[in-house]
Every structure is written in structure tokens, then in C-alpha cells.
C-alpha atoms as a PDB file:
ATOM      1  CA  UNK A   1      -0.045   0.060  -0.101  1.00  0.00           C
ATOM      2  CA  UNK A   2       1.429   3.332  -0.926  1.00  0.00           C
ATOM      3  CA  UNK A   3       2.232   5.928   1.643  1.00  0.00           C
ATOM      4  CA  UNK A   4       2.691   5.416   5.498  1.00  0.00           C
ATOM      5  CA  UNK A   5       1.273   2.071   6.484  1.00  0.00           C
ATOM      6  CA  UNK A   6      -0.467   2.391   9.767  1.00  0.00           C
ATOM      7  CA  UNK A   7      -2.081  -0.315  12.113  1.00  0.00           C
ATOM      8  CA  UNK A   8      -5.460   0.807  10.991  1.00  0.00           C
ATOM      9  CA  UNK A   9      -4.626   0.714   7.137  1.00  0.00           C
ATOM     10  CA  UNK A  10      -3.140  -2.707   7.800  1.00  0.00           C
ATOM     11  CA  UNK A  11      -6.460  -3.882   9.403  1.00  0.00           C
ATOM     12  CA  UNK A  12      -8.523  -2.382   6.632  1.00  0.00           C
ATOM     13  CA  UNK A  13      -6.428  -4.004   3.950  1.00  0.00           C
ATOM     14  CA  UNK A  14      -6.618  -7.482   5.806  1.00  0.00           C
ATOM     15  CA  UNK A  15     -10.373  -7.109   6.427  1.00  0.00           C
ATOM     16  CA  UNK A  16     -10.936  -6.344   2.394  1.00  0.00           C
ATOM     17  CA  UNK A  17      -8.698  -9.343   1.752  1.00  0.00           C
ATOM     18  CA  UNK A  18     -10.690 -11.628   4.030  1.00  0.00           C
ATOM     19  CA  UNK A  19     -13.981 -10.741   2.367  1.00  0.00           C
ATOM     20  CA  UNK A  20     -14.365 -12.509  -0.940  1.00  0.00           C
ATOM     21  CA  UNK A  21     -17.309 -10.582  -2.197  1.00  0.00           C
ATOM     22  CA  UNK A  22     -17.573  -6.903  -3.254  1.00  0.00           C
ATOM     23  CA  UNK A  23     -18.572  -4.718  -0.187  1.00  0.00           C
ATOM     24  CA  UNK A  24     -19.427  -1.199   0.388  1.00  0.00           C
ATOM     25  CA  UNK A  25     -17.355   1.176   2.782  1.00  0.00           C
ATOM     26  CA  UNK A  26     -20.034   1.473   5.304  1.00  0.00           C
ATOM     27  CA  UNK A  27     -20.492  -2.333   5.411  1.00  0.00           C
ATOM     28  CA  UNK A  28     -16.615  -3.105   5.616  1.00  0.00           C
ATOM     29  CA  UNK A  29     -16.666  -0.351   8.520  1.00  0.00           C
ATOM     30  CA  UNK A  30     -19.326  -2.042  10.287  1.00  0.00           C
ATOM     31  CA  UNK A  31     -17.686  -5.463  10.111  1.00  0.00           C
ATOM     32  CA  UNK A  32     -14.464  -3.913  11.527  1.00  0.00           C
ATOM     33  CA  UNK A  33     -16.189  -2.097  14.399  1.00  0.00           C
ATOM     34  CA  UNK A  34     -17.983  -5.425  15.273  1.00  0.00           C
ATOM     35  CA  UNK A  35     -14.819  -7.014  15.570  1.00  0.00           C
ATOM     36  CA  UNK A  36     -13.738  -4.397  17.953  1.00  0.00           C
ATOM     37  CA  UNK A  37     -11.642  -2.137  15.908  1.00  0.00           C
ATOM     38  CA  UNK A  38     -11.763   1.634  16.283  1.00  0.00           C
ATOM     39  CA  UNK A  39     -11.239   2.815  12.881  1.00  0.00           C
ATOM     40  CA  UNK A  40     -13.030   6.121  11.548  1.00  0.00           C
ATOM     41  CA  UNK A  41     -15.140   5.709   8.400  1.00  0.00           C
ATOM     42  CA  UNK A  42     -13.029   8.441   6.699  1.00  0.00           C
ATOM     43  CA  UNK A  43     -10.000   6.292   7.225  1.00  0.00           C
ATOM     44  CA  UNK A  44     -11.714   3.450   5.601  1.00  0.00           C
ATOM     45  CA  UNK A  45     -12.547   5.767   2.595  1.00  0.00           C
ATOM     46  CA  UNK A  46      -9.021   7.219   2.145  1.00  0.00           C
ATOM     47  CA  UNK A  47      -7.357   3.565   2.529  1.00  0.00           C
ATOM     48  CA  UNK A  48      -9.657   2.016  -0.076  1.00  0.00           C
ATOM     49  CA  UNK A  49      -8.996   4.768  -2.616  1.00  0.00           C
ATOM     50  CA  UNK A  50      -5.369   4.352  -1.837  1.00  0.00           C
ATOM     51  CA  UNK A  51      -5.650   0.538  -2.419  1.00  0.00           C
ATOM     52  CA  UNK A  52      -7.505   1.005  -5.713  1.00  0.00           C
ATOM     53  CA  UNK A  53      -4.896   3.553  -6.763  1.00  0.00           C
ATOM     54  CA  UNK A  54      -2.095   1.106  -6.140  1.00  0.00           C
ATOM     55  CA  UNK A  55      -3.912  -1.443  -8.117  1.00  0.00           C
ATOM     56  CA  UNK A  56      -4.376  -3.529  -5.058  1.00  0.00           C
ATOM     57  CA  UNK A  57      -8.451  -3.301  -5.100  1.00  0.00           C
ATOM     58  CA  UNK A  58     -11.016  -3.187  -7.595  1.00  0.00           C
ATOM     59  CA  UNK A  59     -14.238  -1.016  -7.367  1.00  0.00           C
ATOM     60  CA  UNK A  60     -17.430  -0.316  -9.217  1.00  0.00           C
ATOM     61  CA  UNK A  61     -20.335   1.931  -8.535  1.00  0.00           C
ATOM     62  CA  UNK A  62     -23.888   0.294  -8.450  1.00  0.00           C
ATOM     63  CA  UNK A  63     -26.881   1.708  -9.959  1.00  0.00           C
ATOM     64  CA  UNK A  64     -27.838   3.752  -6.887  1.00  0.00           C
ATOM     65  CA  UNK A  65     -24.379   5.364  -6.914  1.00  0.00           C
ATOM     66  CA  UNK A  66     -22.726   3.433  -4.192  1.00  0.00           C
ATOM     67  CA  UNK A  67     -19.191   2.273  -4.514  1.00  0.00           C
ATOM     68  CA  UNK A  68     -18.134  -1.155  -3.949  1.00  0.00           C
ATOM     69  CA  UNK A  69     -14.822  -2.748  -3.142  1.00  0.00           C
ATOM     70  CA  UNK A  70     -12.988  -6.034  -3.333  1.00  0.00           C
ATOM     71  CA  UNK A  71      -9.301  -6.863  -2.909  1.00  0.00           C
ATOM     72  CA  UNK A  72      -7.722  -7.719  -6.161  1.00  0.00           C
ATOM     73  CA  UNK A  73      -6.462 -11.330  -6.267  1.00  0.00           C
ATOM     74  CA  UNK A  74      -4.475 -10.958  -9.435  1.00  0.00           C
ATOM     75  CA  UNK A  75      -2.181  -8.327 -10.711  1.00  0.00           C
ATOM     76  CA  UNK A  76      -4.396  -7.950 -13.933  1.00  0.00           C
ATOM     77  CA  UNK A  77      -6.802  -5.194 -14.552  1.00  0.00           C
ATOM     78  CA  UNK A  78     -10.465  -6.709 -14.646  1.00  0.00           C
ATOM     79  CA  UNK A  79     -13.731  -5.474 -15.759  1.00  0.00           C
ATOM     80  CA  UNK A  80     -17.065  -6.164 -13.946  1.00  0.00           C
ATOM     81  CA  UNK A  81     -20.615  -6.234 -15.577  1.00  0.00           C
ATOM     82  CA  UNK A  82     -23.547  -5.151 -13.348  1.00  0.00           C
ATOM     83  CA  UNK A  83     -26.891  -6.238 -14.476  1.00  0.00           C
ATOM     84  CA  UNK A  84     -29.027  -3.335 -14.128  1.00  0.00           C
ATOM     85  CA  UNK A  85     -32.425  -5.142 -14.792  1.00  0.00           C
ATOM     86  CA  UNK A  86     -33.893  -8.540 -15.341  1.00  0.00           C
ATOM     87  CA  UNK A  87     -35.780  -9.016 -18.594  1.00  0.00           C
ATOM     88  CA  UNK A  88     -38.812 -11.117 -18.463  1.00  0.00           C
END
């Protein structure tokens, strides 16, 4: 992770890596708080942005505008399709 690696940033990266599916910032923050970690929501936002910029995480925005994140398991760039409606 670029920049200064704090204990909080390390916890965020580990939590994201331990979660296989895409997750929102708010849900990731809730998981960490439930596990007893005292990390601010703004720290989670900044850390996830740094992980995406470093190529260590993937992200997409859903139809309601909410950003989702997942740790990148390969070094390759990937594209994700989001189904916006179901055809009958």
C-alpha cells in the first residue's frame, strides 16, 4: 500500500482481503467495528481509495451510486458487468 502504513490501514487491507465478495465502505466499516476495531469511516474511505490507486483493489459503482470494493487477487486489470435489470 502506498504511503505510510499504519496499524489501521493494515487492518482495513486485511479485512478487505478476508472478504471474498465486493463490499461497500459502510459495510466494511461495520464489520471492523463489530470485530472491536476502532477505525473511523473517513480512514476506511481514504485507505480503500489508496488501495484502488495502487492496483490492490477493484471497485465499481452500483446503479444507486454506491461504490463497492474488493481486494484484487491477481495483478491483472479486470472489468465487471453489473446487471441493472432483469428481462422477463
